[in-house]
């Protein structure tokens, strides 16, 4: 299987959505980034 930048972006997005979906009472950006192991800039422009 050949993977590229788009696949990596999709994988990050799905990881974030999975974490949000499994958080029964919400999740902060900080907690989300820690659990996903992603850099802070990944969610720099997300809003509630």
C-alpha atoms as a PDB file:
ATOM      1  CA  UNK A   1       0.000   0.000   0.000  1.00  0.00           C
ATOM      2  CA  UNK A   2       1.349   3.416  -0.937  1.00  0.00           C
ATOM      3  CA  UNK A   3       0.706   6.179   1.560  1.00  0.00           C
ATOM      4  CA  UNK A   4       1.250   9.884   1.209  1.00  0.00           C
ATOM      5  CA  UNK A   5       0.654  13.123   3.018  1.00  0.00           C
ATOM      6  CA  UNK A   6      -3.122  12.921   2.485  1.00  0.00           C
ATOM      7  CA  UNK A   7      -3.234   9.537   4.177  1.00  0.00           C
ATOM      8  CA  UNK A   8      -1.326  10.889   7.168  1.00  0.00           C
ATOM      9  CA  UNK A   9      -3.713  13.829   7.462  1.00  0.00           C
ATOM     10  CA  UNK A  10      -6.711  11.520   7.270  1.00  0.00           C
ATOM     11  CA  UNK A  11      -5.212   9.245   9.919  1.00  0.00           C
ATOM     12  CA  UNK A  12      -4.711  12.215  12.280  1.00  0.00           C
ATOM     13  CA  UNK A  13      -8.260  13.427  11.659  1.00  0.00           C
ATOM     14  CA  UNK A  14      -9.746   9.998  12.337  1.00  0.00           C
ATOM     15  CA  UNK A  15      -7.695   9.653  15.517  1.00  0.00           C
ATOM     16  CA  UNK A  16      -8.968  13.030  16.738  1.00  0.00           C
ATOM     17  CA  UNK A  17     -12.580  12.166  15.885  1.00  0.00           C
ATOM     18  CA  UNK A  18     -12.271   8.813  17.634  1.00  0.00           C
ATOM     19  CA  UNK A  19     -10.956  10.477  20.800  1.00  0.00           C
ATOM     20  CA  UNK A  20     -13.700  13.113  20.734  1.00  0.00           C
ATOM     21  CA  UNK A  21     -16.338  10.439  20.214  1.00  0.00           C
ATOM     22  CA  UNK A  22     -15.086   8.365  23.132  1.00  0.00           C
ATOM     23  CA  UNK A  23     -14.995  11.315  25.569  1.00  0.00           C
ATOM     24  CA  UNK A  24     -18.337  11.127  27.338  1.00  0.00           C
ATOM     25  CA  UNK A  25     -18.147  14.585  28.902  1.00  0.00           C
ATOM     26  CA  UNK A  26     -16.050  16.489  26.384  1.00  0.00           C
ATOM     27  CA  UNK A  27     -12.293  16.869  26.003  1.00  0.00           C
ATOM     28  CA  UNK A  28      -9.988  19.871  25.987  1.00  0.00           C
ATOM     29  CA  UNK A  29      -7.543  20.579  23.169  1.00  0.00           C
ATOM     30  CA  UNK A  30      -4.650  19.951  25.543  1.00  0.00           C
ATOM     31  CA  UNK A  31      -5.979  16.565  26.624  1.00  0.00           C
ATOM     32  CA  UNK A  32      -6.814  15.660  23.044  1.00  0.00           C
ATOM     33  CA  UNK A  33      -3.284  16.442  21.865  1.00  0.00           C
ATOM     34  CA  UNK A  34      -1.724  14.506  24.735  1.00  0.00           C
ATOM     35  CA  UNK A  35      -3.833  11.416  24.090  1.00  0.00           C
ATOM     36  CA  UNK A  36      -3.279  11.554  20.327  1.00  0.00           C
ATOM     37  CA  UNK A  37       0.432  12.302  20.643  1.00  0.00           C
ATOM     38  CA  UNK A  38       0.143  15.156  18.165  1.00  0.00           C
ATOM     39  CA  UNK A  39       1.917  18.532  18.093  1.00  0.00           C
ATOM     40  CA  UNK A  40       0.093  21.620  19.371  1.00  0.00           C
ATOM     41  CA  UNK A  41      -0.123  23.133  15.879  1.00  0.00           C
ATOM     42  CA  UNK A  42      -2.370  20.260  14.759  1.00  0.00           C
ATOM     43  CA  UNK A  43      -5.354  21.807  16.573  1.00  0.00           C
ATOM     44  CA  UNK A  44      -4.275  25.436  16.450  1.00  0.00           C
ATOM     45  CA  UNK A  45      -7.315  26.513  14.433  1.00  0.00           C
ATOM     46  CA  UNK A  46     -10.000  24.265  15.868  1.00  0.00           C
ATOM     47  CA  UNK A  47     -12.904  25.944  17.629  1.00  0.00           C
ATOM     48  CA  UNK A  48     -15.700  24.717  19.854  1.00  0.00           C
END
